[in-house]
């Protein structure tokens, strides 16, 4: 089964210039623990509930004054619609991720794996590892992470199969 078969296609974005309070309110309204920052074709980062907790609340900062762009995570791991569920789960497990944007072939955000009431792992029961790629490894080109340079350019570093991932240059 592919990620595209089980992904949620409704993805709400927030701008980097929004306040953390505005983003937190949107997260609560949508019932999500993370929001992508930017736009469908310009993914700049991701803001998670943990980002808010550790980068704003724990430091005693004001959520009405801190901007999302100042506390968002800019290293973004992602998967493609055509990737297997096992591949996405391997990446999430290897990197201790709970959220993973789904990209199309052009690098645009088109969804997120799973559904809040049916996590991605529930869909993977019938999948088998690919024996041609080694024990425990599953296939999946397109899995990787984006990093945003200080100049604002986005680069993509692909992911090796299974738990051993390549780092972005």
N, C-alpha and C. Protein backbone atom coordinates (compact mmCIF):
# COMPACT_ATOMS: atom_id res chain seq x y z
N UNK A 1 0.84 -1.17 0.00
CA UNK A 1 0.00 0.00 0.00
C UNK A 1 0.89 1.24 0.00
N UNK A 2 0.47 2.26 -0.71
CA UNK A 2 1.23 3.50 -0.87
C UNK A 2 0.72 4.58 0.08
N UNK A 3 1.62 5.51 0.40
CA UNK A 3 1.27 6.64 1.27
C UNK A 3 0.10 7.41 0.68
N UNK A 4 0.11 7.60 -0.65
CA UNK A 4 -0.96 8.34 -1.30
C UNK A 4 -2.33 7.72 -1.12
N UNK A 5 -2.37 6.41 -0.85
CA UNK A 5 -3.64 5.72 -0.64
C UNK A 5 -4.28 6.03 0.71
N UNK A 6 -3.47 6.44 1.67
CA UNK A 6 -3.97 6.62 3.04
C UNK A 6 -3.70 8.01 3.61
N UNK A 7 -3.26 8.93 2.76
CA UNK A 7 -2.93 10.25 3.29
C UNK A 7 -4.15 11.15 3.38
N UNK A 8 -4.07 12.10 4.27
CA UNK A 8 -5.07 13.15 4.40
C UNK A 8 -4.65 14.27 3.46
N UNK A 9 -5.54 14.66 2.58
CA UNK A 9 -5.20 15.67 1.57
C UNK A 9 -5.47 17.10 2.01
N UNK A 10 -6.20 17.28 3.07
CA UNK A 10 -6.48 18.63 3.57
C UNK A 10 -5.32 19.10 4.43
N UNK A 11 -4.52 20.00 3.87
CA UNK A 11 -3.36 20.52 4.59
C UNK A 11 -3.49 22.03 4.70
N UNK A 12 -3.49 22.51 5.92
CA UNK A 12 -3.55 23.95 6.17
C UNK A 12 -2.15 24.46 6.43
N UNK A 13 -1.82 25.60 5.88
CA UNK A 13 -0.52 26.22 6.07
C UNK A 13 -0.67 27.49 6.89
N UNK A 14 0.43 27.90 7.50
CA UNK A 14 0.48 29.18 8.19
C UNK A 14 1.76 29.87 7.71
N UNK A 15 1.74 31.19 7.65
CA UNK A 15 2.91 31.92 7.20
C UNK A 15 3.94 32.10 8.31
N UNK A 16 5.18 32.23 7.93
CA UNK A 16 6.27 32.42 8.89
C UNK A 16 6.12 33.72 9.67
N UNK A 17 5.34 34.67 9.14
CA UNK A 17 5.15 35.96 9.80
C UNK A 17 4.01 35.93 10.82
N UNK A 18 3.29 34.83 10.91
CA UNK A 18 2.22 34.71 11.91
C UNK A 18 2.82 34.57 13.30
N UNK A 19 2.06 34.94 14.31
CA UNK A 19 2.54 34.76 15.68
C UNK A 19 2.32 33.31 16.11
N UNK A 20 3.06 32.89 17.09
CA UNK A 20 2.90 31.54 17.63
C UNK A 20 1.49 31.36 18.19
N UNK A 21 0.92 32.41 18.79
CA UNK A 21 -0.44 32.33 19.31
C UNK A 21 -1.44 32.04 18.19
N UNK A 22 -1.29 32.70 17.05
CA UNK A 22 -2.18 32.45 15.91
C UNK A 22 -2.03 31.02 15.39
N UNK A 23 -0.79 30.56 15.30
CA UNK A 23 -0.55 29.20 14.82
C UNK A 23 -1.09 28.17 15.80
N UNK A 24 -0.89 28.40 17.09
CA UNK A 24 -1.40 27.47 18.11
C UNK A 24 -2.92 27.40 18.06
N UNK A 25 -3.57 28.54 17.85
CA UNK A 25 -5.03 28.55 17.73
C UNK A 25 -5.48 27.75 16.51
N UNK A 26 -4.76 27.90 15.41
CA UNK A 26 -5.09 27.14 14.20
C UNK A 26 -4.88 25.65 14.44
N UNK A 27 -3.82 25.27 15.14
CA UNK A 27 -3.57 23.86 15.45
C UNK A 27 -4.71 23.30 16.29
N UNK A 28 -5.17 24.06 17.25
CA UNK A 28 -6.28 23.62 18.09
C UNK A 28 -7.57 23.48 17.30
N UNK A 29 -7.85 24.45 16.45
CA UNK A 29 -9.06 24.41 15.62
C UNK A 29 -9.07 23.22 14.68
N UNK A 30 -7.88 22.89 14.14
CA UNK A 30 -7.77 21.81 13.16
C UNK A 30 -7.56 20.44 13.83
N UNK A 31 -7.22 20.44 15.11
CA UNK A 31 -6.96 19.20 15.81
C UNK A 31 -5.68 18.51 15.36
N UNK A 32 -4.65 19.31 15.06
CA UNK A 32 -3.37 18.77 14.61
C UNK A 32 -2.26 19.21 15.56
N UNK A 33 -1.17 18.49 15.56
CA UNK A 33 -0.03 18.81 16.41
C UNK A 33 1.10 19.48 15.65
N UNK A 34 0.87 19.77 14.36
CA UNK A 34 1.90 20.41 13.55
C UNK A 34 1.25 21.10 12.37
N UNK A 35 1.88 22.19 11.95
CA UNK A 35 1.43 22.91 10.77
C UNK A 35 2.62 23.16 9.86
N UNK A 36 2.44 22.92 8.55
CA UNK A 36 3.51 23.30 7.63
C UNK A 36 3.53 24.81 7.49
N UNK A 37 4.73 25.35 7.31
CA UNK A 37 4.91 26.79 7.20
C UNK A 37 5.24 27.13 5.75
N UNK A 38 4.55 28.11 5.21
CA UNK A 38 4.78 28.53 3.84
C UNK A 38 3.55 28.31 3.00
N UNK A 39 3.74 27.65 1.87
CA UNK A 39 2.65 27.37 0.95
C UNK A 39 2.88 26.02 0.30
N UNK A 40 1.90 25.55 -0.45
CA UNK A 40 1.97 24.24 -1.08
C UNK A 40 3.26 24.06 -1.88
N UNK A 41 3.65 25.07 -2.62
CA UNK A 41 4.85 24.96 -3.46
C UNK A 41 6.08 25.64 -2.86
N UNK A 42 5.98 26.08 -1.60
CA UNK A 42 7.11 26.72 -0.93
C UNK A 42 7.10 26.33 0.55
N UNK A 43 7.45 25.09 0.83
CA UNK A 43 7.50 24.60 2.20
C UNK A 43 8.75 25.15 2.88
N UNK A 44 8.56 26.05 3.85
CA UNK A 44 9.67 26.72 4.51
C UNK A 44 10.08 26.04 5.81
N UNK A 45 9.15 25.35 6.42
CA UNK A 45 9.44 24.71 7.70
C UNK A 45 8.18 24.04 8.22
N UNK A 46 8.26 23.60 9.46
CA UNK A 46 7.10 23.00 10.12
C UNK A 46 7.11 23.46 11.57
N UNK A 47 5.95 23.78 12.08
CA UNK A 47 5.82 24.18 13.48
C UNK A 47 5.06 23.07 14.20
N UNK A 48 5.68 22.51 15.23
CA UNK A 48 5.05 21.43 15.99
C UNK A 48 4.69 21.93 17.39
N UNK A 49 3.86 21.16 18.05
CA UNK A 49 3.52 21.49 19.43
C UNK A 49 4.77 21.46 20.31
N UNK A 50 5.72 20.61 19.99
CA UNK A 50 6.98 20.56 20.74
C UNK A 50 7.82 21.82 20.51
N UNK A 51 7.81 22.34 19.28
CA UNK A 51 8.52 23.60 19.02
C UNK A 51 7.97 24.70 19.92
N UNK A 52 6.66 24.77 20.01
CA UNK A 52 6.02 25.79 20.84
C UNK A 52 6.38 25.57 22.31
N UNK A 53 6.31 24.34 22.75
CA UNK A 53 6.58 24.03 24.15
C UNK A 53 8.02 24.38 24.54
N UNK A 54 8.98 23.88 23.77
CA UNK A 54 10.38 24.05 24.16
C UNK A 54 11.01 25.37 23.74
N UNK A 55 10.55 25.96 22.63
CA UNK A 55 11.18 27.18 22.13
C UNK A 55 10.46 28.46 22.53
N UNK A 56 9.25 28.31 23.06
CA UNK A 56 8.50 29.49 23.48
C UNK A 56 8.13 29.39 24.96
N UNK A 57 7.32 28.41 25.31
CA UNK A 57 6.80 28.29 26.67
C UNK A 57 7.92 28.06 27.69
N UNK A 58 8.80 27.10 27.43
CA UNK A 58 9.87 26.78 28.39
C UNK A 58 10.84 27.95 28.59
N UNK A 59 10.95 28.81 27.61
CA UNK A 59 11.83 29.98 27.72
C UNK A 59 11.12 31.21 28.27
N UNK A 60 9.84 31.06 28.55
CA UNK A 60 9.09 32.17 29.11
C UNK A 60 8.81 33.29 28.13
N UNK A 61 8.79 32.98 26.84
CA UNK A 61 8.54 34.00 25.82
C UNK A 61 7.04 34.19 25.61
N UNK A 62 6.67 35.31 25.05
CA UNK A 62 5.27 35.62 24.80
C UNK A 62 4.84 35.06 23.45
N UNK A 63 3.83 34.19 23.46
CA UNK A 63 3.38 33.59 22.21
C UNK A 63 2.69 34.60 21.29
N UNK A 64 2.34 35.76 21.81
CA UNK A 64 1.73 36.80 20.98
C UNK A 64 2.78 37.70 20.33
N UNK A 65 4.03 37.56 20.76
CA UNK A 65 5.11 38.39 20.20
C UNK A 65 6.09 37.59 19.36
N UNK A 66 6.23 36.30 19.64
CA UNK A 66 7.18 35.47 18.90
C UNK A 66 6.55 35.05 17.57
N UNK A 67 7.32 35.18 16.50
CA UNK A 67 6.84 34.81 15.18
C UNK A 67 7.15 33.34 14.89
N UNK A 68 6.29 32.71 14.14
CA UNK A 68 6.45 31.30 13.77
C UNK A 68 7.81 31.07 13.11
N UNK A 69 8.21 31.96 12.23
CA UNK A 69 9.48 31.82 11.52
C UNK A 69 10.69 31.78 12.43
N UNK A 70 10.55 32.31 13.64
CA UNK A 70 11.67 32.33 14.58
C UNK A 70 11.82 31.03 15.36
N UNK A 71 10.78 30.22 15.41
CA UNK A 71 10.83 29.01 16.24
C UNK A 71 10.49 27.73 15.47
N UNK A 72 10.16 27.84 14.19
CA UNK A 72 9.80 26.65 13.42
C UNK A 72 11.02 25.77 13.17
N UNK A 73 10.76 24.52 12.88
CA UNK A 73 11.80 23.58 12.49
C UNK A 73 12.02 23.73 10.99
N UNK A 74 13.26 23.92 10.57
CA UNK A 74 13.53 24.14 9.15
C UNK A 74 14.09 22.90 8.46
N UNK A 75 14.51 21.91 9.20
CA UNK A 75 14.90 20.65 8.58
C UNK A 75 13.64 19.80 8.51
N UNK A 76 13.20 19.54 7.29
CA UNK A 76 11.92 18.89 7.09
C UNK A 76 12.13 17.54 6.41
N UNK A 77 11.74 16.50 7.07
CA UNK A 77 11.75 15.17 6.47
C UNK A 77 10.41 14.99 5.78
N UNK A 78 10.41 14.33 4.64
CA UNK A 78 9.19 14.19 3.86
C UNK A 78 9.17 12.84 3.16
N UNK A 79 8.00 12.54 2.59
CA UNK A 79 7.88 11.34 1.76
C UNK A 79 7.07 11.72 0.53
N UNK A 80 7.00 10.80 -0.41
CA UNK A 80 6.26 11.01 -1.66
C UNK A 80 4.99 10.16 -1.65
N UNK A 81 4.02 10.56 -2.43
CA UNK A 81 2.75 9.83 -2.52
C UNK A 81 2.97 8.37 -2.92
N UNK A 82 3.95 8.12 -3.78
CA UNK A 82 4.16 6.78 -4.30
C UNK A 82 5.02 5.89 -3.39
N UNK A 83 5.53 6.43 -2.29
CA UNK A 83 6.31 5.63 -1.34
C UNK A 83 5.41 4.66 -0.59
N UNK A 84 5.97 3.53 -0.22
CA UNK A 84 5.21 2.56 0.56
C UNK A 84 5.03 3.08 1.99
N UNK A 85 4.01 2.61 2.64
CA UNK A 85 3.76 2.98 4.02
C UNK A 85 4.94 2.55 4.89
N UNK A 86 5.48 1.37 4.62
CA UNK A 86 6.62 0.89 5.41
C UNK A 86 7.82 1.82 5.29
N UNK A 87 8.05 2.35 4.11
CA UNK A 87 9.16 3.27 3.91
C UNK A 87 8.97 4.53 4.76
N UNK A 88 7.76 5.08 4.73
CA UNK A 88 7.47 6.27 5.54
C UNK A 88 7.63 5.95 7.03
N UNK A 89 7.14 4.79 7.45
CA UNK A 89 7.26 4.41 8.86
C UNK A 89 8.72 4.20 9.26
N UNK A 90 9.52 3.62 8.37
CA UNK A 90 10.95 3.44 8.67
C UNK A 90 11.62 4.79 8.89
N UNK A 91 11.32 5.76 8.02
CA UNK A 91 11.90 7.10 8.17
C UNK A 91 11.44 7.73 9.47
N UNK A 92 10.15 7.63 9.75
CA UNK A 92 9.62 8.23 10.98
C UNK A 92 10.25 7.58 12.21
N UNK A 93 10.41 6.27 12.19
CA UNK A 93 11.02 5.58 13.33
C UNK A 93 12.50 5.90 13.48
N UNK A 94 13.22 5.93 12.37
CA UNK A 94 14.66 6.20 12.42
C UNK A 94 14.97 7.61 12.90
N UNK A 95 14.09 8.54 12.59
CA UNK A 95 14.31 9.94 12.95
C UNK A 95 13.42 10.44 14.09
N UNK A 96 12.68 9.52 14.70
CA UNK A 96 11.79 9.85 15.82
C UNK A 96 10.82 10.98 15.43
N UNK A 97 10.16 10.79 14.29
CA UNK A 97 9.22 11.78 13.76
C UNK A 97 7.79 11.34 14.01
N UNK A 98 6.95 12.30 14.26
CA UNK A 98 5.52 12.02 14.39
C UNK A 98 4.72 12.63 13.24
N UNK A 99 5.36 13.53 12.51
CA UNK A 99 4.69 14.19 11.38
C UNK A 99 5.59 14.13 10.17
N UNK A 100 4.98 13.98 9.01
CA UNK A 100 5.74 13.82 7.78
C UNK A 100 4.93 14.37 6.61
N UNK A 101 5.33 15.50 6.02
CA UNK A 101 4.59 16.00 4.87
C UNK A 101 4.72 15.05 3.68
N UNK A 102 3.67 14.97 2.86
CA UNK A 102 3.69 14.16 1.65
C UNK A 102 3.82 15.11 0.47
N UNK A 103 4.80 14.83 -0.40
CA UNK A 103 5.05 15.68 -1.55
C UNK A 103 4.69 14.96 -2.84
N UNK A 104 4.33 15.73 -3.87
CA UNK A 104 4.10 15.13 -5.18
C UNK A 104 5.43 15.12 -5.94
N UNK A 105 5.42 14.68 -7.19
CA UNK A 105 6.64 14.56 -7.98
C UNK A 105 7.33 15.91 -8.20
N UNK A 106 6.59 17.01 -8.08
CA UNK A 106 7.16 18.34 -8.28
C UNK A 106 7.60 19.00 -6.97
N UNK A 107 7.52 18.26 -5.86
CA UNK A 107 7.96 18.80 -4.59
C UNK A 107 6.93 19.65 -3.86
N UNK A 108 5.69 19.64 -4.32
CA UNK A 108 4.61 20.39 -3.66
C UNK A 108 3.98 19.54 -2.57
N UNK A 109 3.61 20.18 -1.48
CA UNK A 109 2.93 19.47 -0.39
C UNK A 109 1.52 19.14 -0.83
N UNK A 110 1.17 17.85 -0.72
CA UNK A 110 -0.17 17.42 -1.14
C UNK A 110 -0.94 16.72 -0.02
N UNK A 111 -0.30 16.51 1.12
CA UNK A 111 -1.01 15.85 2.21
C UNK A 111 -0.09 15.49 3.36
N UNK A 112 -0.65 14.68 4.26
CA UNK A 112 0.13 14.14 5.36
C UNK A 112 -0.33 12.69 5.57
N UNK A 113 0.58 11.80 5.95
CA UNK A 113 0.21 10.39 6.06
C UNK A 113 -0.84 10.14 7.14
N UNK A 114 -1.70 9.20 6.86
CA UNK A 114 -2.65 8.76 7.86
C UNK A 114 -3.77 9.74 8.11
N UNK A 115 -4.47 9.47 9.15
CA UNK A 115 -5.63 10.24 9.57
C UNK A 115 -5.56 10.32 11.09
N UNK A 116 -5.98 11.41 11.72
CA UNK A 116 -5.88 11.52 13.17
C UNK A 116 -6.50 10.35 13.93
N UNK A 117 -7.56 9.76 13.36
CA UNK A 117 -8.22 8.65 14.06
C UNK A 117 -7.69 7.29 13.63
N UNK A 118 -6.85 7.24 12.60
CA UNK A 118 -6.28 5.99 12.13
C UNK A 118 -4.83 6.25 11.74
N UNK A 119 -3.90 6.12 12.69
CA UNK A 119 -2.50 6.40 12.42
C UNK A 119 -1.94 5.55 11.29
N UNK A 120 -0.88 6.04 10.68
CA UNK A 120 -0.25 5.39 9.54
C UNK A 120 0.14 3.95 9.82
N UNK A 121 0.60 3.65 11.01
CA UNK A 121 1.05 2.30 11.34
C UNK A 121 -0.06 1.27 11.19
N UNK A 122 -1.30 1.66 11.36
CA UNK A 122 -2.43 0.73 11.23
C UNK A 122 -2.59 0.23 9.80
N UNK A 123 -2.11 1.00 8.83
CA UNK A 123 -2.24 0.63 7.42
C UNK A 123 -1.13 -0.30 6.96
N UNK A 124 -0.06 -0.41 7.70
CA UNK A 124 1.13 -1.12 7.25
C UNK A 124 1.10 -2.61 7.55
N UNK A 125 0.08 -3.12 8.17
CA UNK A 125 0.05 -4.52 8.61
C UNK A 125 0.34 -5.51 7.50
N UNK A 126 -0.14 -5.26 6.29
CA UNK A 126 0.03 -6.23 5.21
C UNK A 126 1.29 -6.07 4.41
N UNK A 127 2.11 -5.07 4.67
CA UNK A 127 3.30 -4.84 3.87
C UNK A 127 4.45 -5.72 4.33
N UNK A 128 5.30 -6.06 3.37
CA UNK A 128 6.46 -6.89 3.64
C UNK A 128 7.73 -6.15 3.24
N UNK A 129 8.84 -6.37 3.96
CA UNK A 129 10.10 -5.76 3.56
C UNK A 129 10.54 -6.26 2.19
N UNK A 130 11.35 -5.49 1.50
CA UNK A 130 11.88 -5.86 0.20
C UNK A 130 13.17 -6.64 0.41
N UNK A 131 13.20 -7.96 0.17
CA UNK A 131 14.38 -8.76 0.45
C UNK A 131 15.57 -8.38 -0.43
N UNK A 132 15.33 -7.79 -1.59
CA UNK A 132 16.43 -7.39 -2.47
C UNK A 132 17.25 -6.25 -1.89
N UNK A 133 16.70 -5.57 -0.91
CA UNK A 133 17.39 -4.41 -0.33
C UNK A 133 17.94 -4.67 1.04
N UNK A 134 17.92 -5.90 1.48
CA UNK A 134 18.50 -6.22 2.79
C UNK A 134 17.45 -6.43 3.84
N UNK A 135 17.83 -7.06 4.92
CA UNK A 135 16.90 -7.38 6.00
C UNK A 135 16.30 -6.13 6.60
N UNK A 136 15.00 -6.11 6.66
CA UNK A 136 14.30 -5.00 7.31
C UNK A 136 14.17 -3.75 6.47
N UNK A 137 14.74 -3.75 5.27
CA UNK A 137 14.70 -2.55 4.44
C UNK A 137 13.49 -2.60 3.52
N UNK A 138 12.97 -1.45 3.25
CA UNK A 138 11.88 -1.34 2.28
C UNK A 138 12.25 -0.28 1.27
N UNK A 139 11.66 -0.36 0.09
CA UNK A 139 12.00 0.58 -0.97
C UNK A 139 11.38 1.93 -0.78
N UNK A 140 11.82 2.88 -1.60
CA UNK A 140 11.17 4.18 -1.57
C UNK A 140 12.03 5.33 -1.98
N UNK A 141 12.12 5.59 -3.26
CA UNK A 141 12.81 6.79 -3.70
C UNK A 141 11.92 7.97 -3.35
N UNK A 142 12.53 9.09 -3.08
CA UNK A 142 11.74 10.27 -2.79
C UNK A 142 11.66 10.59 -1.32
N UNK A 143 11.97 9.63 -0.47
CA UNK A 143 11.99 9.92 0.95
C UNK A 143 13.24 10.74 1.21
N UNK A 144 13.14 11.74 2.01
CA UNK A 144 14.31 12.54 2.29
C UNK A 144 13.98 13.71 3.17
N UNK A 145 14.85 14.67 3.17
CA UNK A 145 14.59 15.85 3.96
C UNK A 145 15.00 17.07 3.18
N UNK A 146 14.36 18.16 3.51
CA UNK A 146 14.70 19.44 2.93
C UNK A 146 15.43 20.25 3.97
N UNK A 147 16.37 21.01 3.53
CA UNK A 147 16.97 22.00 4.41
C UNK A 147 16.88 23.32 3.69
N UNK A 148 16.73 24.37 4.42
CA UNK A 148 16.64 25.69 3.84
C UNK A 148 17.88 26.46 4.25
N UNK A 149 18.62 26.92 3.25
CA UNK A 149 19.84 27.67 3.53
C UNK A 149 19.47 29.06 4.03
N UNK A 150 20.45 29.76 4.54
CA UNK A 150 20.19 31.13 5.02
C UNK A 150 19.73 32.03 3.87
N UNK A 151 20.13 31.69 2.64
CA UNK A 151 19.72 32.48 1.48
C UNK A 151 18.30 32.13 1.05
N UNK A 152 17.69 31.13 1.70
CA UNK A 152 16.31 30.79 1.40
C UNK A 152 16.14 29.72 0.34
N UNK A 153 17.26 29.20 -0.19
CA UNK A 153 17.15 28.16 -1.20
C UNK A 153 16.90 26.82 -0.53
N UNK A 154 16.08 26.01 -1.18
CA UNK A 154 15.72 24.71 -0.63
C UNK A 154 16.53 23.64 -1.34
N UNK A 155 17.09 22.72 -0.59
CA UNK A 155 17.79 21.59 -1.19
C UNK A 155 17.20 20.32 -0.63
N UNK A 156 17.23 19.27 -1.42
CA UNK A 156 16.65 17.99 -1.01
C UNK A 156 17.75 16.95 -0.94
N UNK A 157 17.80 16.24 0.14
CA UNK A 157 18.75 15.14 0.28
C UNK A 157 17.93 13.87 0.37
N UNK A 158 18.15 12.98 -0.56
CA UNK A 158 17.41 11.73 -0.58
C UNK A 158 17.77 10.87 0.60
N UNK A 159 17.02 9.85 0.80
CA UNK A 159 17.19 8.98 1.94
C UNK A 159 17.61 7.61 1.47
N UNK A 160 18.59 7.04 2.14
CA UNK A 160 18.93 5.65 1.86
C UNK A 160 17.78 4.77 2.34
N UNK A 161 17.73 3.56 1.86
CA UNK A 161 16.65 2.68 2.24
C UNK A 161 16.86 2.18 3.66
N UNK A 162 15.77 2.01 4.37
CA UNK A 162 15.85 1.47 5.72
C UNK A 162 16.31 2.49 6.71
N UNK A 163 16.79 2.05 7.85
CA UNK A 163 17.11 2.96 8.94
C UNK A 163 18.39 3.76 8.77
N UNK A 164 19.26 3.40 7.83
CA UNK A 164 20.49 4.17 7.67
C UNK A 164 20.25 5.27 6.64
N UNK A 165 20.13 6.49 7.10
CA UNK A 165 19.78 7.63 6.24
C UNK A 165 21.02 8.45 5.95
N UNK A 166 21.04 9.06 4.76
CA UNK A 166 22.11 9.98 4.42
C UNK A 166 21.79 11.36 4.97
N UNK A 167 22.78 12.07 5.38
CA UNK A 167 22.57 13.42 5.87
C UNK A 167 22.65 14.40 4.71
N UNK A 168 21.92 15.50 4.85
CA UNK A 168 21.98 16.55 3.85
C UNK A 168 23.35 17.19 3.86
N UNK A 169 23.83 17.53 2.69
CA UNK A 169 25.16 18.12 2.57
C UNK A 169 25.14 19.56 3.02
